Protein backbone atom coordinates (compact mmCIF):
# COMPACT_ATOMS: atom_id res chain seq x y z
CA MET A 1 120.10 60.26 106.88
CA ILE A 2 121.08 60.68 110.36
CA LEU A 3 119.66 61.19 113.87
CA GLY A 4 117.42 58.39 113.74
CA ASP A 5 114.78 57.81 111.16
CA HIS A 6 111.21 60.26 112.41
CA CYS A 7 111.37 63.53 112.71
CA THR A 8 109.65 65.76 115.25
CA ARG A 9 107.95 67.65 112.52
CA ALA A 10 105.08 66.30 110.11
CA CYS A 11 105.70 68.22 106.85
CA ARG A 12 102.65 67.81 104.27
CA PHE A 13 104.69 66.97 101.58
CA CYS A 14 107.22 64.52 103.22
CA ASP A 15 107.24 61.05 104.00
CA VAL A 16 109.60 60.84 106.57
CA PRO A 17 107.60 59.28 109.83
CA THR A 18 106.72 61.31 112.93
CA GLY A 19 107.72 59.81 116.12
CA PRO A 20 108.32 57.73 118.58
CA ILE A 21 111.24 59.85 118.78
CA LEU A 22 114.77 57.63 119.78
CA PRO A 23 117.92 59.20 121.94
CA PRO A 24 120.89 60.18 119.10
CA ASP A 25 123.31 56.86 118.95
CA ASP A 26 126.71 58.13 119.96
CA ASP A 27 128.60 55.53 117.92
CA GLU A 28 126.85 57.07 114.49
CA PRO A 29 129.53 59.37 113.38
CA ARG A 30 132.15 56.85 113.48
CA GLN A 31 129.25 54.37 111.65
CA VAL A 32 128.92 56.93 109.35
CA ALA A 33 132.57 57.65 108.39
CA GLU A 34 132.95 53.89 108.45
CA LEU A 35 130.90 52.99 105.98
CA LEU A 36 131.79 56.37 103.49
CA SER A 37 135.60 55.17 103.66
CA ARG A 38 134.50 51.99 102.56
CA LEU A 39 132.48 53.32 99.10
CA ASN A 40 135.17 55.39 97.23
CA LEU A 41 132.98 58.21 96.60
CA ASN A 42 133.80 61.48 95.34
CA TYR A 43 130.91 63.38 96.99
CA VAL A 44 128.19 62.41 99.36
CA VAL A 45 125.32 64.75 100.35
CA ILE A 46 124.27 64.01 104.47
CA THR A 47 120.81 64.86 105.75
CA SER A 48 118.80 64.39 108.59
CA VAL A 49 115.46 64.95 110.17
CA ASP A 50 114.45 67.65 112.65
CA ARG A 51 115.44 67.27 115.97
CA ASP A 52 113.62 69.65 118.09
CA ASP A 53 113.33 67.51 121.15
CA LEU A 54 117.42 68.35 121.54
CA PRO A 55 118.18 71.29 123.04
CA ASP A 56 120.88 72.22 120.13
CA GLY A 57 118.35 70.57 117.42
CA GLY A 58 121.13 68.10 116.47
CA ALA A 59 124.15 70.32 115.63
CA ALA A 60 126.53 68.94 118.12
CA HIS A 61 125.94 65.43 116.78
CA TRP A 62 126.22 66.89 112.96
CA ALA A 63 129.32 68.77 113.72
CA GLU A 64 130.90 65.29 115.36
CA THR A 65 129.44 63.43 111.90
CA LEU A 66 131.27 65.72 109.33
CA ARG A 67 134.51 65.99 111.87
CA GLN A 68 134.98 62.14 111.33
CA VAL A 69 133.80 61.97 107.89
CA ARG A 70 136.62 64.88 107.23
CA ARG A 71 139.21 62.34 109.34
CA ARG A 72 137.97 58.98 107.23
CA CYS A 73 137.60 60.78 104.11
CA PRO A 74 139.69 63.99 103.74
CA ASP A 75 138.89 64.46 99.54
CA LEU A 76 135.51 63.42 99.77
CA GLY A 77 133.23 66.17 98.58
CA LEU A 78 130.84 66.87 101.51
CA GLU A 79 127.26 68.49 101.71
CA ALA A 80 125.42 68.74 104.88
CA LEU A 81 121.50 69.29 103.98
CA VAL A 82 120.31 70.51 107.55
CA PRO A 83 117.31 71.21 109.30
CA ASP A 84 116.51 74.92 110.31
CA PHE A 85 117.68 74.58 113.71
CA LYS A 86 114.87 77.28 114.48
CA ALA A 87 117.66 79.74 113.32
CA GLU A 88 119.54 79.49 116.45
CA ILE A 89 122.53 80.92 115.38
CA SER A 90 124.55 78.95 118.20
CA SER A 91 123.26 75.55 116.47
CA ILE A 92 124.07 76.96 112.92
CA GLU A 93 127.96 77.98 113.95
CA THR A 94 128.58 74.15 115.43
CA VAL A 95 127.71 73.02 111.47
CA CYS A 96 129.38 75.68 110.10
CA ARG A 97 132.66 74.99 112.34
CA ALA A 98 132.88 71.80 111.25
CA ARG A 99 133.27 73.16 107.87
CA PRO A 100 131.76 70.70 104.49
CA ASP A 101 132.02 71.91 101.72
CA VAL A 102 128.41 72.79 100.88
CA PHE A 103 126.09 73.98 103.88
CA ALA A 104 122.27 73.06 102.37
CA HIS A 105 118.92 74.05 103.35
CA ASN A 106 115.58 73.30 101.71
CA ILE A 107 112.92 76.28 101.88
CA GLU A 108 110.24 73.98 100.26
CA THR A 109 108.20 76.50 99.09
CA VAL A 110 106.74 80.09 98.38
CA ALA A 111 105.85 81.93 101.62
CA SER A 112 102.13 82.27 101.08
CA LEU A 113 102.07 78.28 101.43
CA GLN A 114 104.43 78.13 104.12
CA LYS A 115 101.86 77.05 107.16
CA ARG A 116 100.01 75.01 104.15
CA VAL A 117 103.00 72.72 103.10
CA ARG A 118 105.22 72.69 105.50
CA PRO A 119 103.18 74.31 109.28
CA GLN A 120 106.19 73.74 111.74
CA CYS A 121 108.68 75.61 109.50
CA ARG A 122 109.34 79.45 109.00
CA TYR A 123 109.98 80.85 105.78
CA GLY A 124 111.99 83.77 107.26
CA GLY A 125 113.58 81.05 109.66
CA SER A 126 115.21 79.50 106.79
CA LEU A 127 116.11 82.45 105.16
CA LYS A 128 117.94 83.68 108.54
CA THR A 129 120.00 79.92 108.83
CA LEU A 130 120.83 80.80 105.26
CA THR A 131 122.22 83.72 106.06
CA VAL A 132 123.86 83.04 108.74
CA ALA A 133 125.97 80.09 107.04
CA ALA A 134 126.72 82.21 104.55
CA GLN A 135 127.40 85.73 105.80
CA GLN A 136 128.35 85.27 109.00
CA PHE A 137 130.34 81.72 108.49
CA GLY A 138 131.39 82.19 105.04
CA MET A 139 129.76 78.40 104.14
CA ILE A 140 128.80 78.30 100.52
CA THR A 141 125.19 77.84 100.69
CA LYS A 142 122.70 75.76 98.59
CA SER A 143 118.75 75.80 98.52
CA SER A 144 115.97 73.92 96.97
CA LEU A 145 111.90 74.70 95.72
CA MET A 146 109.35 72.44 95.18
CA LEU A 147 106.35 74.06 92.35
CA GLY A 148 103.11 72.64 92.21
CA HIS A 149 101.51 73.47 95.51
CA GLY A 150 99.37 76.61 93.90
CA GLU A 151 102.63 79.11 93.77
CA THR A 152 102.22 81.96 91.69
CA ARG A 153 105.25 82.54 88.95
CA GLY A 154 105.55 86.15 90.71
CA GLU A 155 106.17 84.34 94.41
CA VAL A 156 108.35 82.04 93.06
CA ILE A 157 110.68 84.49 91.10
CA GLN A 158 109.89 86.76 94.71
CA THR A 159 111.45 83.22 96.33
CA ILE A 160 114.33 83.29 93.95
CA GLN A 161 115.55 86.81 94.69
CA ASP A 162 114.51 85.94 98.71
CA LEU A 163 117.34 82.98 98.61
CA ARG A 164 119.56 84.75 96.71
CA ASP A 165 119.81 87.83 98.71
CA THR A 166 121.00 85.29 101.64
CA GLY A 167 123.85 84.67 99.95
CA CYS A 168 122.91 81.27 98.99
CA ARG A 169 125.21 80.44 95.49
CA MET A 170 123.29 77.01 94.51
CA LEU A 171 119.39 76.54 94.11
CA SER A 172 117.54 73.12 92.81
CA ILE A 173 114.03 73.85 91.96
CA GLY A 174 112.04 70.83 91.27
CA GLN A 175 108.08 68.85 90.38
CA TYR A 176 106.51 68.54 93.81
CA LEU A 177 104.83 64.40 93.66
CA GLN A 178 102.82 63.28 95.93
CA PRO A 179 103.96 60.21 98.21
CA SER A 180 100.61 58.96 98.95
CA LYS A 181 96.95 59.83 99.31
CA ALA A 182 97.40 60.73 103.20
CA HIS A 183 99.98 63.71 101.90
CA LEU A 184 99.09 67.00 100.05
CA GLU A 185 97.78 66.92 96.18
CA VAL A 186 99.35 68.46 93.63
CA VAL A 187 97.88 71.46 92.93
CA GLU A 188 99.71 71.86 89.04
CA TYR A 189 102.43 69.65 87.07
CA VAL A 190 104.38 72.76 85.55
CA HIS A 191 105.82 72.54 82.37
CA PRO A 192 109.03 72.03 81.67
CA ASP A 193 109.33 75.51 79.54
CA VAL A 194 108.80 77.43 82.85
CA PHE A 195 111.49 75.59 84.68
CA ALA A 196 114.03 76.77 81.82
CA GLU A 197 113.16 79.90 81.99
CA TYR A 198 113.13 79.71 86.39
CA LYS A 199 116.68 78.36 86.02
CA GLN A 200 117.45 81.84 83.31
CA ILE A 201 116.10 83.95 85.84
CA GLY A 202 117.85 82.55 88.75
CA GLU A 203 121.35 82.42 86.80
CA GLU A 204 120.74 86.09 85.65
CA MET A 205 120.05 86.83 89.49
CA GLY A 206 123.45 85.72 90.27
CA PHE A 207 123.06 82.32 91.30
CA ASP A 208 126.44 80.69 90.76
CA HIS A 209 124.45 77.41 89.32
CA VAL A 210 120.64 76.30 89.07
CA GLU A 211 119.35 73.05 88.58
CA SER A 212 115.82 73.32 87.90
CA GLY A 213 113.38 70.43 85.86
CA PRO A 214 110.09 68.30 86.41
CA LEU A 215 112.36 65.25 88.17
CA VAL A 216 114.93 67.25 89.85
CA ARG A 217 115.70 67.27 93.23
CA SER A 218 117.35 68.48 96.04
CA SER A 219 120.39 66.49 96.02
CA TYR A 220 120.02 65.52 92.38
CA LYS A 221 123.42 65.21 90.36
CA ALA A 222 124.69 67.39 93.78
CA ASP A 223 128.24 66.62 92.78
CA GLN A 224 127.99 68.07 89.28
CA GLN A 225 126.02 71.23 90.40
CA ALA A 226 129.08 71.37 93.22
CA ASP A 227 131.60 70.86 90.24
CA ALA A 228 129.45 73.27 88.07
CA ALA A 229 129.55 76.12 90.91
CA GLY A 230 133.37 75.75 90.66
CA ILE A 231 133.70 74.42 94.29
CA VAL A 232 134.36 71.19 94.11
């Protein structure tokens, strides 16, 4: 995770603390690249906190990190799990120009529950971010959805379709688990058979790969997902 360990947002499912926010470390891109060059990995997921305090949402820092990793680790599969950048095309473009193998952004929950689950985010903004990356800049895109917040079956299917309509090619679906008593309570523990059904529905809609199960998270077996989709 880059750009610090405190977020400018306060999503009610997430255990990343909010504030105080420090300026980005200009040497972090080099440090990340150097560390990864020592680990002998085949695939890595880089993510970050939201940085709404920065004019570009941290996009330039993101791009420099990706470029430095590419230079030091040219054969490394590289997935960027990014914020929505408030759906600003210039910021999305900055990251896309650094050419990660996968551009990932998580929509997290269905449209009706966005304000409850992640009040500072917008469903349409997440869809626009994915659309711009896939359709304007040719990125392979990925998203993730949590179940158990009280969504209906119809809402889940509509969200899967909305993601597919952006050009999204990979999808992870998992069970929300409450990080602490201060976070949103779990409304429902979804049966594994239901996860299997959503996997089938997503694949029938045309996703290259759908990973769906109670313990699945956005980066769950990310290398195997990318491989199954024929990406890396």
